[in-house]
Amino acid sequence: MSITRWEPFSDLMTLRDAVNRLFEESFVRPSRVLCTTPAAVPVDMYQQNSNVIVKASVPGVKPEDIDVSVTGNTLTIKGEMKEEKEVKEENVIRRERCVGTFSRSMTLPTPVDTSKAQATFENGVLTLTLPVAEEAKPKEIKIQAR
């Protein structure tokens, strides 16, 4: 028979994790069961050549319902998911699609030239091409030997 050291706090942490998970799934993230407002807009941002490329997934939103703005080094994407009035309320079996306004702001890695920016929308994906501002581009300094 071997003797095992009992550590009471390790058992309490396990119980604590279980209670935290219970409360998170019940109250903090009820959007899995019921959706009242749209979730955050998922975004990919990367730099390609001398452009910052931003791709945002906004399925079910029309391009005219999306506003994009750059203030300083902050990019903001706002929009609205509108409800379709085709289905009568008494016949609804399940409703998971969100309606309402959404907004997502993020810091750009470098200053951009908004006068040359381009935005395209295809298959629910908004693609922004933001050229890096001239003052933010690296400058090469030639060395003169004496």
Protein backbone atom coordinates (compact mmCIF):
# COMPACT_ATOMS: atom_id res chain seq x y z
CA MET A 1 0.00 0.00 0.00
CA SER A 2 1.42 3.38 -0.99
CA ILE A 3 0.83 6.68 0.72
CA THR A 4 -0.48 9.51 -1.47
CA ARG A 5 -0.22 13.10 -0.37
CA TRP A 6 -3.60 14.82 -0.22
CA GLU A 7 -3.75 18.37 -1.51
CA PRO A 8 -7.17 19.82 -0.72
CA PHE A 9 -6.75 22.94 -2.88
CA SER A 10 -6.32 20.91 -6.07
CA ASP A 11 -9.81 19.46 -5.57
CA LEU A 12 -11.25 22.91 -4.87
CA MET A 13 -9.81 24.31 -8.08
CA THR A 14 -11.48 21.53 -10.04
CA LEU A 15 -14.82 22.31 -8.40
CA ARG A 16 -14.25 26.01 -9.03
CA ASP A 17 -13.59 25.38 -12.73
CA ALA A 18 -16.79 23.35 -12.97
CA VAL A 19 -18.86 26.11 -11.36
CA ASN A 20 -17.25 28.77 -13.59
CA ARG A 21 -18.06 26.72 -16.69
CA LEU A 22 -21.66 26.28 -15.52
CA PHE A 23 -22.14 30.02 -15.05
CA GLU A 24 -20.37 30.93 -18.30
CA GLU A 25 -22.50 28.59 -20.37
CA SER A 26 -25.70 29.67 -18.65
CA PHE A 27 -25.36 33.44 -18.30
CA VAL A 28 -22.25 34.88 -19.93
CA ARG A 29 -22.64 33.32 -23.39
CA PRO A 30 -26.34 32.70 -23.93
CA SER A 31 -25.98 33.65 -27.62
CA ARG A 32 -25.56 29.97 -28.51
CA VAL A 33 -29.19 29.42 -27.59
CA LEU A 34 -30.75 32.82 -28.15
CA CYS A 35 -29.48 35.66 -30.30
CA THR A 36 -30.69 39.20 -29.69
CA THR A 37 -27.80 41.23 -31.16
CA PRO A 38 -25.16 40.42 -33.77
CA ALA A 39 -21.84 39.07 -32.57
CA ALA A 40 -18.54 40.83 -33.19
CA VAL A 41 -17.41 40.96 -36.78
CA PRO A 42 -14.53 38.50 -37.41
CA VAL A 43 -11.62 40.27 -39.10
CA ASP A 44 -8.34 39.29 -40.78
CA MET A 45 -5.73 42.05 -41.10
CA TYR A 46 -2.39 41.71 -42.86
CA GLN A 47 0.13 43.81 -44.73
CA GLN A 48 0.83 43.05 -48.38
CA ASN A 49 3.40 45.11 -50.30
CA SER A 50 2.61 48.69 -49.28
CA ASN A 51 -1.06 48.08 -48.37
CA VAL A 52 -2.87 47.06 -45.21
CA ILE A 53 -5.54 44.53 -46.18
CA VAL A 54 -8.58 44.03 -43.92
CA LYS A 55 -11.13 41.28 -44.58
CA ALA A 56 -14.31 41.32 -42.50
CA SER A 57 -17.03 38.65 -42.57
CA VAL A 58 -20.47 40.25 -42.63
CA PRO A 59 -22.81 37.62 -44.08
CA GLY A 60 -26.38 38.65 -44.71
CA VAL A 61 -25.58 42.37 -44.73
CA LYS A 62 -25.97 44.53 -47.82
CA PRO A 63 -23.01 46.74 -48.78
CA GLU A 64 -25.14 49.88 -48.41
CA ASP A 65 -25.80 48.95 -44.75
CA ILE A 66 -22.05 49.05 -43.88
CA ASP A 67 -20.08 52.15 -42.86
CA VAL A 68 -16.27 52.16 -42.80
CA SER A 69 -14.26 55.01 -41.29
CA VAL A 70 -10.64 55.71 -40.32
CA THR A 71 -9.96 58.23 -37.57
CA GLY A 72 -6.29 58.63 -36.77
CA ASN A 73 -5.00 55.05 -36.59
CA THR A 74 -8.39 53.50 -35.70
CA LEU A 75 -10.45 51.62 -38.29
CA THR A 76 -14.17 51.28 -37.51
CA ILE A 77 -16.62 49.01 -39.34
CA LYS A 78 -20.30 49.60 -38.47
CA GLY A 79 -23.42 48.13 -39.95
CA GLU A 80 -26.86 46.75 -39.45
CA MET A 81 -28.33 43.31 -39.96
CA LYS A 82 -31.97 43.78 -40.85
CA GLU A 83 -34.80 41.39 -40.16
CA GLU A 84 -36.71 39.83 -43.01
CA LYS A 85 -40.48 40.06 -42.64
CA GLU A 86 -41.29 36.99 -44.76
CA VAL A 87 -42.07 34.58 -41.91
CA LYS A 88 -45.08 35.15 -39.67
CA GLU A 89 -44.22 35.15 -35.97
CA GLU A 90 -46.65 32.38 -34.98
CA ASN A 91 -45.06 29.89 -37.43
CA VAL A 92 -41.44 30.35 -36.36
CA ILE A 93 -39.90 27.07 -35.25
CA ARG A 94 -36.35 28.25 -34.65
CA ARG A 95 -34.65 31.66 -34.89
CA GLU A 96 -30.86 31.89 -34.53
CA ARG A 97 -29.92 34.62 -37.01
CA CYS A 98 -29.14 37.89 -35.30
CA VAL A 99 -30.58 41.28 -36.18
CA GLY A 100 -29.48 44.73 -35.07
CA THR A 101 -26.48 46.99 -35.32
CA PHE A 102 -22.85 45.91 -34.99
CA SER A 103 -19.58 47.78 -34.68
CA ARG A 104 -15.92 46.74 -34.66
CA SER A 105 -12.97 49.08 -34.08
CA MET A 106 -9.31 48.15 -34.31
CA THR A 107 -5.95 49.89 -34.34
CA LEU A 108 -4.14 49.97 -37.67
CA PRO A 109 -0.45 48.97 -37.55
CA THR A 110 0.68 52.00 -39.62
CA PRO A 111 -0.83 55.29 -40.81
CA VAL A 112 -2.81 54.86 -44.04
CA ASP A 113 -3.76 57.12 -46.93
CA THR A 114 -7.58 57.08 -46.85
CA SER A 115 -7.87 59.10 -50.08
CA LYS A 116 -6.54 56.06 -52.01
CA ALA A 117 -8.39 53.39 -50.01
CA GLN A 118 -10.58 50.83 -51.80
CA ALA A 119 -13.44 48.67 -50.50
CA THR A 120 -14.98 45.65 -52.23
CA PHE A 121 -17.80 43.37 -51.10
CA GLU A 122 -18.20 39.83 -52.37
CA ASN A 123 -20.05 36.82 -50.93
CA GLY A 124 -20.47 38.39 -47.50
CA VAL A 125 -16.80 39.41 -47.17
CA LEU A 126 -15.83 43.08 -47.03
CA THR A 127 -12.25 43.62 -48.27
CA LEU A 128 -10.52 46.92 -47.54
CA THR A 129 -7.27 47.85 -49.26
CA LEU A 130 -5.65 50.69 -47.33
CA PRO A 131 -2.40 52.06 -48.82
CA VAL A 132 0.31 52.84 -46.26
CA ALA A 133 0.87 56.61 -46.00
CA GLU A 134 4.05 57.93 -47.61
CA GLU A 135 5.39 59.27 -44.31
CA ALA A 136 5.09 55.79 -42.78
CA LYS A 137 7.02 54.02 -45.55
CA PRO A 138 10.66 53.27 -44.81
CA LYS A 139 13.12 55.63 -46.45
CA GLU A 140 16.49 54.48 -47.70
CA ILE A 141 19.46 56.63 -46.81
CA LYS A 142 22.54 56.29 -49.00
CA ILE A 143 25.89 56.32 -47.31
CA GLN A 144 28.62 58.44 -48.85
CA ALA A 145 32.21 57.32 -48.27
CA ARG A 146 34.90 59.95 -47.72
